[in-house]
Amino acid sequence: MAMKNEWVKVFTSEDFYRSELVRQALIDNEIDAVIINKQGFPYRIGEVEVHVAQADFERAMALIIANDL
């Protein structure tokens, strides 16, 4: 049976740019990360989430906490 690479949420913000900074910090530390933009248009109301692979969850959270992101 093949394993699926499941993604989990590690960060949420209403600020797209802050979410992008978190995503980039994760990528810079060799943790694959994606943004899921749930903001509505045209007013950009809603949340932007950063997700990582489930296997990277603990490393990602440690990095976010250690860097006060």
N, C-alpha and C. Protein backbone atom coordinates (compact mmCIF):
# COMPACT_ATOMS: atom_id res chain seq x y z
N MET A 1 0.84 -1.18 0.00
CA MET A 1 0.00 0.00 0.00
C MET A 1 0.89 1.25 0.00
N ALA A 2 0.64 2.17 -0.90
CA ALA A 2 1.44 3.39 -1.02
C ALA A 2 1.00 4.40 0.05
N MET A 3 1.98 5.11 0.61
CA MET A 3 1.67 6.14 1.60
C MET A 3 1.41 7.46 0.90
N LYS A 4 0.39 8.14 1.36
CA LYS A 4 0.11 9.47 0.84
C LYS A 4 0.91 10.49 1.64
N ASN A 5 1.37 11.51 0.95
CA ASN A 5 2.06 12.60 1.63
C ASN A 5 0.99 13.57 2.11
N GLU A 6 0.57 13.42 3.36
CA GLU A 6 -0.49 14.27 3.89
C GLU A 6 0.08 15.58 4.39
N TRP A 7 -0.64 16.65 4.13
CA TRP A 7 -0.22 17.99 4.53
C TRP A 7 -1.00 18.42 5.75
N VAL A 8 -0.32 19.12 6.66
CA VAL A 8 -0.96 19.62 7.88
C VAL A 8 -0.68 21.11 8.02
N LYS A 9 -1.63 21.81 8.65
CA LYS A 9 -1.51 23.26 8.83
C LYS A 9 -0.58 23.55 10.00
N VAL A 10 0.38 24.48 9.77
CA VAL A 10 1.30 24.88 10.84
C VAL A 10 1.19 26.37 11.15
N PHE A 11 0.49 27.13 10.31
CA PHE A 11 0.41 28.57 10.52
C PHE A 11 -0.82 29.12 9.83
N THR A 12 -1.46 30.09 10.46
CA THR A 12 -2.62 30.78 9.89
C THR A 12 -2.52 32.27 10.19
N SER A 13 -2.84 33.09 9.21
CA SER A 13 -2.84 34.54 9.40
C SER A 13 -3.81 35.16 8.41
N GLU A 14 -4.26 36.36 8.73
CA GLU A 14 -5.05 37.13 7.77
C GLU A 14 -4.14 37.96 6.87
N ASP A 15 -2.84 37.95 7.18
CA ASP A 15 -1.85 38.73 6.43
C ASP A 15 -1.09 37.79 5.47
N PHE A 16 -1.38 37.95 4.17
CA PHE A 16 -0.75 37.09 3.17
C PHE A 16 0.77 37.17 3.24
N TYR A 17 1.32 38.36 3.42
CA TYR A 17 2.77 38.55 3.40
C TYR A 17 3.44 37.88 4.60
N ARG A 18 2.79 37.91 5.75
CA ARG A 18 3.35 37.23 6.93
C ARG A 18 3.37 35.72 6.69
N SER A 19 2.31 35.19 6.09
CA SER A 19 2.28 33.76 5.76
C SER A 19 3.37 33.41 4.77
N GLU A 20 3.62 34.27 3.81
CA GLU A 20 4.68 34.04 2.83
C GLU A 20 6.05 34.05 3.51
N LEU A 21 6.25 34.93 4.49
CA LEU A 21 7.52 34.94 5.23
C LEU A 21 7.73 33.63 5.98
N VAL A 22 6.68 33.11 6.58
CA VAL A 22 6.77 31.83 7.29
C VAL A 22 7.09 30.72 6.29
N ARG A 23 6.38 30.70 5.17
CA ARG A 23 6.63 29.66 4.15
C ARG A 23 8.08 29.71 3.68
N GLN A 24 8.58 30.92 3.42
CA GLN A 24 9.95 31.05 2.93
C GLN A 24 10.97 30.61 3.98
N ALA A 25 10.72 30.92 5.26
CA ALA A 25 11.62 30.49 6.33
C ALA A 25 11.66 28.96 6.40
N LEU A 26 10.52 28.32 6.22
CA LEU A 26 10.48 26.85 6.22
C LEU A 26 11.26 26.30 5.04
N ILE A 27 11.05 26.86 3.86
CA ILE A 27 11.76 26.40 2.66
C ILE A 27 13.26 26.61 2.81
N ASP A 28 13.66 27.75 3.38
CA ASP A 28 15.09 28.02 3.60
C ASP A 28 15.72 26.99 4.52
N ASN A 29 14.90 26.34 5.35
CA ASN A 29 15.39 25.30 6.26
C ASN A 29 15.06 23.90 5.76
N GLU A 30 14.86 23.79 4.46
CA GLU A 30 14.64 22.52 3.77
C GLU A 30 13.39 21.78 4.24
N ILE A 31 12.34 22.55 4.52
CA ILE A 31 11.03 21.98 4.83
C ILE A 31 10.08 22.45 3.74
N ASP A 32 9.57 21.52 2.95
CA ASP A 32 8.62 21.88 1.89
C ASP A 32 7.36 22.45 2.52
N ALA A 33 6.92 23.58 2.00
CA ALA A 33 5.74 24.25 2.54
C ALA A 33 4.93 24.86 1.40
N VAL A 34 3.61 24.87 1.58
CA VAL A 34 2.71 25.48 0.59
C VAL A 34 1.76 26.43 1.30
N ILE A 35 1.28 27.40 0.55
CA ILE A 35 0.29 28.34 1.05
C ILE A 35 -1.07 27.97 0.47
N ILE A 36 -2.07 27.98 1.34
CA ILE A 36 -3.46 27.83 0.90
C ILE A 36 -4.16 29.13 1.25
N ASN A 37 -4.50 29.87 0.20
CA ASN A 37 -5.09 31.19 0.36
C ASN A 37 -6.60 31.06 0.37
N LYS A 38 -7.20 31.31 1.52
CA LYS A 38 -8.66 31.22 1.66
C LYS A 38 -9.31 32.59 1.72
N GLN A 39 -8.57 33.60 1.28
CA GLN A 39 -9.10 34.96 1.30
C GLN A 39 -10.06 35.15 0.12
N GLY A 40 -11.13 35.86 0.40
CA GLY A 40 -12.10 36.16 -0.65
C GLY A 40 -11.68 37.38 -1.44
N PHE A 41 -12.13 37.44 -2.67
CA PHE A 41 -11.81 38.59 -3.52
C PHE A 41 -13.06 39.43 -3.68
N PRO A 42 -13.02 40.69 -3.85
CA PRO A 42 -11.82 41.52 -4.04
C PRO A 42 -11.28 42.11 -2.75
N TYR A 43 -11.87 41.79 -1.59
CA TYR A 43 -11.53 42.49 -0.36
C TYR A 43 -10.46 41.80 0.49
N ARG A 44 -10.01 40.63 0.08
CA ARG A 44 -8.97 39.89 0.82
C ARG A 44 -9.36 39.65 2.27
N ILE A 45 -10.59 39.23 2.48
CA ILE A 45 -11.06 38.89 3.82
C ILE A 45 -10.98 37.38 3.98
N GLY A 46 -10.37 36.95 5.07
CA GLY A 46 -10.23 35.52 5.32
C GLY A 46 -8.81 35.18 5.74
N GLU A 47 -8.51 33.91 5.74
CA GLU A 47 -7.22 33.45 6.24
C GLU A 47 -6.33 32.89 5.15
N VAL A 48 -5.04 32.94 5.44
CA VAL A 48 -4.02 32.32 4.59
C VAL A 48 -3.31 31.30 5.46
N GLU A 49 -3.27 30.05 5.00
CA GLU A 49 -2.68 28.97 5.79
C GLU A 49 -1.37 28.51 5.17
N VAL A 50 -0.44 28.08 6.02
CA VAL A 50 0.80 27.45 5.58
C VAL A 50 0.73 25.99 6.00
N HIS A 51 0.97 25.10 5.05
CA HIS A 51 0.92 23.66 5.30
C HIS A 51 2.27 23.03 4.99
N VAL A 52 2.60 21.97 5.76
CA VAL A 52 3.81 21.18 5.52
C VAL A 52 3.42 19.71 5.52
N ALA A 53 4.33 18.87 5.04
CA ALA A 53 4.10 17.43 5.10
C ALA A 53 4.02 17.00 6.55
N GLN A 54 3.17 16.04 6.82
CA GLN A 54 2.97 15.58 8.19
C GLN A 54 4.29 15.17 8.85
N ALA A 55 5.20 14.58 8.09
CA ALA A 55 6.49 14.14 8.63
C ALA A 55 7.35 15.32 9.08
N ASP A 56 7.11 16.51 8.55
CA ASP A 56 7.90 17.69 8.90
C ASP A 56 7.22 18.58 9.94
N PHE A 57 6.07 18.16 10.46
CA PHE A 57 5.29 19.01 11.35
C PHE A 57 6.08 19.48 12.58
N GLU A 58 6.72 18.57 13.28
CA GLU A 58 7.43 18.94 14.51
C GLU A 58 8.60 19.89 14.23
N ARG A 59 9.36 19.62 13.18
CA ARG A 59 10.48 20.51 12.80
C ARG A 59 9.96 21.89 12.43
N ALA A 60 8.86 21.93 11.68
CA ALA A 60 8.29 23.21 11.25
C ALA A 60 7.81 24.02 12.45
N MET A 61 7.11 23.39 13.37
CA MET A 61 6.61 24.10 14.54
C MET A 61 7.77 24.61 15.40
N ALA A 62 8.80 23.80 15.56
CA ALA A 62 9.97 24.22 16.34
C ALA A 62 10.62 25.44 15.71
N LEU A 63 10.73 25.46 14.38
CA LEU A 63 11.33 26.59 13.67
C LEU A 63 10.47 27.85 13.82
N ILE A 64 9.16 27.71 13.68
CA ILE A 64 8.26 28.85 13.81
C ILE A 64 8.34 29.42 15.22
N ILE A 65 8.34 28.57 16.23
CA ILE A 65 8.39 29.03 17.62
C ILE A 65 9.75 29.65 17.94
N ALA A 66 10.83 28.99 17.52
CA ALA A 66 12.18 29.48 17.83
C ALA A 66 12.46 30.84 17.19
N ASN A 67 11.85 31.09 16.03
CA ASN A 67 12.09 32.35 15.33
C ASN A 67 10.96 33.36 15.53
N ASP A 68 10.04 33.06 16.42
CA ASP A 68 8.93 33.96 16.73
C ASP A 68 8.22 34.45 15.48
N LEU A 69 7.91 33.49 14.60
CA LEU A 69 7.27 33.83 13.32
C LEU A 69 5.77 33.90 13.45
